[in-house]
Protein backbone atom coordinates (compact mmCIF):
# COMPACT_ATOMS: atom_id res chain seq x y z
CA PRO A 1 -65.81 25.08 -40.35
CA THR A 2 -68.83 24.77 -42.64
CA LYS A 3 -68.78 25.99 -46.23
CA SER A 4 -71.70 28.34 -45.58
CA PRO A 5 -72.77 30.32 -42.54
CA THR A 6 -75.06 28.34 -40.24
CA THR A 7 -77.27 31.39 -39.73
CA PRO A 8 -78.61 33.74 -42.40
CA ALA A 9 -76.50 36.72 -43.17
CA THR A 10 -77.86 40.03 -42.05
CA LEU A 11 -77.30 43.33 -43.80
CA ALA A 12 -76.01 45.07 -40.69
CA PRO A 13 -73.12 43.27 -39.01
CA THR A 14 -72.81 43.55 -35.28
CA LYS A 15 -69.75 44.95 -33.65
CA SER A 16 -69.31 41.80 -31.65
CA PRO A 17 -69.93 38.13 -32.35
CA THR A 18 -73.57 37.13 -31.91
CA THR A 19 -72.50 34.18 -29.80
CA PRO A 20 -69.81 34.12 -27.16
CA ALA A 21 -66.53 32.77 -28.33
CA THR A 22 -66.06 29.33 -26.90
CA LEU A 23 -63.07 28.05 -28.82
CA ALA A 24 -60.62 30.75 -27.72
CA PRO A 25 -57.71 29.22 -25.80
CA THR A 26 -57.43 29.87 -22.10
CA LYS A 27 -54.25 31.13 -20.49
CA SER A 28 -54.00 27.91 -18.58
CA PRO A 29 -54.85 24.35 -19.61
CA ALA A 30 -58.54 23.53 -19.34
CA THR A 31 -57.63 20.44 -17.36
CA PRO A 32 -54.88 20.09 -14.78
CA ALA A 33 -51.58 19.11 -16.31
CA THR A 34 -50.68 15.56 -15.36
CA LEU A 35 -47.67 14.89 -17.58
CA ALA A 36 -45.62 17.89 -16.54
CA PRO A 37 -42.26 16.78 -15.02
CA THR A 38 -41.72 17.22 -11.34
CA LYS A 39 -38.64 18.84 -9.87
CA SER A 40 -37.64 15.54 -8.30
CA PRO A 41 -37.98 12.00 -9.63
CA THR A 42 -41.38 10.47 -8.96
CA THR A 43 -39.62 7.31 -7.78
CA SER A 44 -36.52 6.92 -5.65
CA VAL A 45 -33.26 6.70 -7.55
CA THR A 46 -31.83 3.21 -7.13
CA VAL A 47 -29.31 2.88 -9.94
CA ALA A 48 -27.24 6.02 -9.37
CA PRO A 49 -23.65 5.21 -8.25
CA THR A 50 -22.56 6.05 -4.74
CA LYS A 51 -19.38 7.97 -3.98
CA LEU A 52 -17.91 4.94 -2.23
CA PRO A 53 -18.39 1.25 -2.95
CA THR A 54 -21.53 -0.09 -1.27
CA THR A 55 -19.51 -3.06 -0.02
CA PRO A 56 -15.82 -2.11 0.22
CA VAL A 57 -14.07 -5.45 0.22
CA ALA A 58 -10.94 -4.65 -1.80
CA THR A 59 -9.81 -1.57 0.08
CA PRO A 60 -6.03 -1.91 0.72
CA THR A 61 -4.81 -2.02 4.26
CA ASN A 62 -1.98 0.11 5.61
CA SER A 63 0.08 -2.99 6.37
CA PRO A 64 0.55 -6.25 4.48
CA THR A 65 -2.16 -8.81 5.12
CA THR A 66 0.53 -11.38 5.79
CA GLY A 67 3.40 -11.00 8.17
CA ALA A 68 6.77 -9.71 7.01
CA PRO A 69 9.32 -12.44 6.34
CA THR A 70 11.49 -13.26 9.28
CA ILE A 71 15.24 -12.83 9.13
CA SER A 72 15.75 -16.55 9.74
CA GLN A 73 14.49 -19.54 7.85
CA VAL A 74 15.03 -23.26 8.22
CA ALA A 75 18.51 -24.18 7.10
CA GLU A 76 18.54 -26.50 4.12
CA GLY A 77 21.05 -28.35 1.99
CA PRO A 78 23.48 -31.23 2.49
CA CYS A 79 26.37 -28.92 3.39
CA CYS A 80 24.91 -27.81 6.71
CA ASN A 81 23.50 -30.58 8.85
CA VAL A 82 21.97 -28.47 11.58
CA THR A 83 18.56 -28.31 13.17
CA GLY A 84 17.12 -24.85 13.52
CA SER A 85 17.35 -21.73 11.44
CA ALA A 86 19.88 -19.74 9.48
CA LEU A 87 20.09 -16.21 8.16
CA VAL A 88 18.70 -15.54 4.70
CA ALA A 89 21.28 -12.95 3.77
CA ASP A 90 21.23 -10.02 1.37
CA ASP A 91 23.71 -7.23 0.68
CA ASN A 92 22.50 -5.27 3.71
CA ASN A 93 21.74 -7.67 6.54
CA ILE A 94 24.82 -9.82 5.97
CA ARG A 95 27.04 -6.94 7.09
CA ILE A 96 25.00 -6.41 10.22
CA ALA A 97 25.11 -10.12 11.01
CA VAL A 98 28.86 -10.43 10.34
CA ASN A 99 29.64 -7.48 12.59
CA GLU A 100 27.56 -9.00 15.38
CA TYR A 101 29.23 -12.36 14.82
CA LEU A 102 32.70 -10.86 15.04
CA ASN A 103 31.78 -9.03 18.25
CA ASP A 104 30.00 -11.95 19.93
CA ALA A 105 29.86 -15.21 18.00
CA SER A 106 27.69 -17.07 20.54
CA SER A 107 25.05 -14.36 20.68
CA ALA A 108 25.00 -13.95 16.90
CA MET A 109 24.70 -17.69 16.40
CA ALA A 110 21.62 -17.74 18.63
CA THR A 111 20.06 -15.07 16.42
CA TYR A 112 21.25 -15.99 12.94
CA GLY A 113 22.32 -19.61 13.20
CA PRO A 114 25.78 -21.00 12.40
CA ILE A 115 27.62 -18.66 10.06
CA ASN A 116 28.57 -21.47 7.70
CA CYS A 117 24.88 -22.28 7.20
CA TRP A 118 23.70 -18.82 6.20
CA ASP A 119 21.88 -18.64 2.89
CA THR A 120 24.05 -16.22 0.91
CA SER A 121 22.59 -16.93 -2.52
CA ARG A 122 21.14 -13.38 -2.73
CA VAL A 123 24.36 -11.61 -1.81
CA THR A 124 26.15 -9.82 -4.66
CA ASN A 125 28.73 -7.81 -2.72
CA MET A 126 31.13 -9.37 -0.21
CA SER A 127 33.75 -6.64 -0.33
CA ASP A 128 35.39 -5.80 3.02
CA LEU A 129 33.18 -8.37 4.75
CA PHE A 130 35.98 -9.62 7.05
CA PHE A 131 38.26 -6.62 6.57
CA ASP A 132 40.99 -6.64 9.23
CA SER A 133 39.17 -9.37 11.18
CA LEU A 134 42.44 -10.68 12.56
CA LEU A 135 41.13 -13.64 14.58
CA PHE A 136 38.26 -14.85 12.40
CA ASN A 137 38.89 -18.34 11.04
CA ASP A 138 35.52 -20.11 10.93
CA PRO A 139 34.45 -22.38 8.05
CA LEU A 140 32.55 -20.69 5.21
CA GLY A 141 32.73 -23.48 2.67
CA CYS A 142 28.94 -23.91 2.57
CA TRP A 143 28.27 -20.37 1.42
CA ASN A 144 26.51 -19.97 -1.91
CA THR A 145 28.52 -17.28 -3.69
CA SER A 146 27.05 -17.76 -7.16
CA SER A 147 25.64 -14.20 -7.25
CA VAL A 148 28.68 -12.41 -5.86
CA THR A 149 30.30 -9.96 -8.27
CA THR A 150 32.92 -8.46 -5.96
CA PHE A 151 35.15 -10.06 -3.33
CA ARG A 152 37.36 -6.97 -3.06
CA LYS A 153 39.26 -6.84 0.27
CA MET A 154 37.08 -9.60 1.72
CA PHE A 155 39.83 -11.01 3.97
CA TYR A 156 42.10 -7.98 3.81
CA GLY A 157 44.55 -7.57 6.65
CA ASP A 158 45.12 -3.95 7.55
CA SER A 159 46.71 -3.59 10.96
CA SER A 160 48.13 -7.12 10.79
CA ARG A 161 47.72 -10.36 8.86
CA THR A 162 44.31 -12.00 9.08
CA ARG A 163 44.26 -15.64 10.17
CA TYR A 164 41.63 -16.83 7.75
CA ASN A 165 42.70 -20.15 6.24
CA GLN A 166 39.66 -22.36 5.65
CA ASP A 167 38.70 -24.52 2.68
CA ILE A 168 36.51 -22.44 0.36
CA SER A 169 37.41 -24.36 -2.79
CA SER A 170 33.74 -25.17 -3.48
CA TRP A 171 32.72 -21.53 -3.85
CA ASP A 172 30.99 -20.62 -7.11
CA THR A 173 32.90 -17.58 -8.36
CA SER A 174 31.53 -17.56 -11.89
CA SER A 175 29.88 -14.13 -11.41
CA ALA A 176 32.93 -12.50 -9.86
CA ILE A 177 34.35 -9.40 -11.54
CA ASP A 178 36.55 -7.92 -8.81
CA MET A 179 38.91 -10.00 -6.64
CA SER A 180 41.42 -7.25 -5.95
CA PHE A 181 43.06 -7.35 -2.49
CA MET A 182 40.86 -10.35 -1.61
CA PHE A 183 43.53 -12.14 0.46
CA PHE A 184 45.90 -9.23 0.86
CA LYS A 185 48.08 -9.58 3.95
CA SER A 186 46.51 -12.82 5.19
CA TRP A 187 47.64 -16.34 6.13
CA PHE A 188 45.41 -17.93 3.48
CA ASN A 189 46.80 -21.07 1.84
CA GLN A 190 44.02 -23.26 0.41
CA ASN A 191 43.67 -24.96 -2.96
CA ILE A 192 41.29 -22.82 -5.03
CA GLN A 193 42.41 -24.13 -8.40
CA SER A 194 38.83 -25.12 -9.28
CA TRP A 195 37.48 -21.57 -9.06
CA ASP A 196 35.87 -20.16 -12.19
CA VAL A 197 37.49 -16.74 -12.64
CA SER A 198 36.65 -16.33 -16.31
CA SER A 199 34.67 -13.12 -15.66
CA VAL A 200 37.14 -11.47 -13.31
CA LYS A 201 38.61 -8.19 -14.53
CA ASP A 202 40.64 -7.07 -11.52
CA MET A 203 43.09 -9.34 -9.66
CA SER A 204 45.42 -6.61 -8.49
CA ASN A 205 47.02 -7.34 -5.10
CA MET A 206 44.85 -10.44 -4.72
CA PHE A 207 47.59 -12.45 -2.98
CA ALA A 208 50.00 -9.63 -2.22
CA ASN A 209 51.68 -9.93 1.20
CA THR A 210 50.19 -13.42 1.55
CA PRO A 211 53.39 -15.34 2.34
CA LEU A 212 51.91 -18.84 2.74
CA PHE A 213 49.89 -19.15 -0.46
CA ASN A 214 51.58 -21.74 -2.63
CA HIS A 215 48.98 -23.53 -4.75
CA ASN A 216 48.90 -24.13 -8.47
CA ILE A 217 46.33 -21.89 -10.16
CA SER A 218 47.83 -22.10 -13.64
CA SER A 219 44.58 -23.54 -15.01
CA TRP A 220 42.65 -20.36 -14.27
CA GLN A 221 41.06 -18.74 -17.30
CA VAL A 222 42.17 -15.12 -16.97
CA SER A 223 41.42 -13.80 -20.44
CA SER A 224 39.01 -11.19 -19.02
CA VAL A 225 41.47 -9.79 -16.50
CA VAL A 226 42.39 -6.17 -17.16
CA THR A 227 44.79 -5.63 -14.28
CA MET A 228 47.06 -8.05 -12.46
CA GLU A 229 49.25 -5.46 -10.83
CA LYS A 230 50.97 -6.96 -7.79
CA THR A 231 48.68 -10.02 -7.83
CA PHE A 232 51.37 -11.84 -5.86
């Protein structure tokens, strides 16, 4: 605005401006709005994440990508000089395999390999494994028993004496805790003086009703044994 009127003042003012108002704002912009945002992006969205990966390469499958391990693997070790395969045993499948072997040794051998060559290093429980198996007398000296904690009633004779009488002096029994009734009512008579029984707590009835056993086991360390009731 100027400091003074641009036209001379009159003594009688008019009711309305002498010139039309030109600076009054309009209800709408004088020029079309160009910066107003649109309802949708002016360019396609390219960075927004998708609900699923654009290239799903790590999606898990329903089944393992590699085949399940077979029940048999190549037999190894100097103890078993065989060509072929032998059972890799655990606490579950060893019982199935033993039962099949006792029912039909030839058929079981074709499936699991020679019983003396089975890998038993994973087995922790051999209780009742040959319970009342009256005729079984096959070598088991190659078995790895280092993980076995219980041999309870392994060769137990129930209805009659079991015939088992093979050399198992090389067994690692250092983990054994329970040997109760292990050779109860059997014909076992092998030298097992070298066994490590330092962790065994129960030897009750271990050799009870085993009339042939007559080996010196006086060197056994039995300080951990809690019960020796009717050991012999």
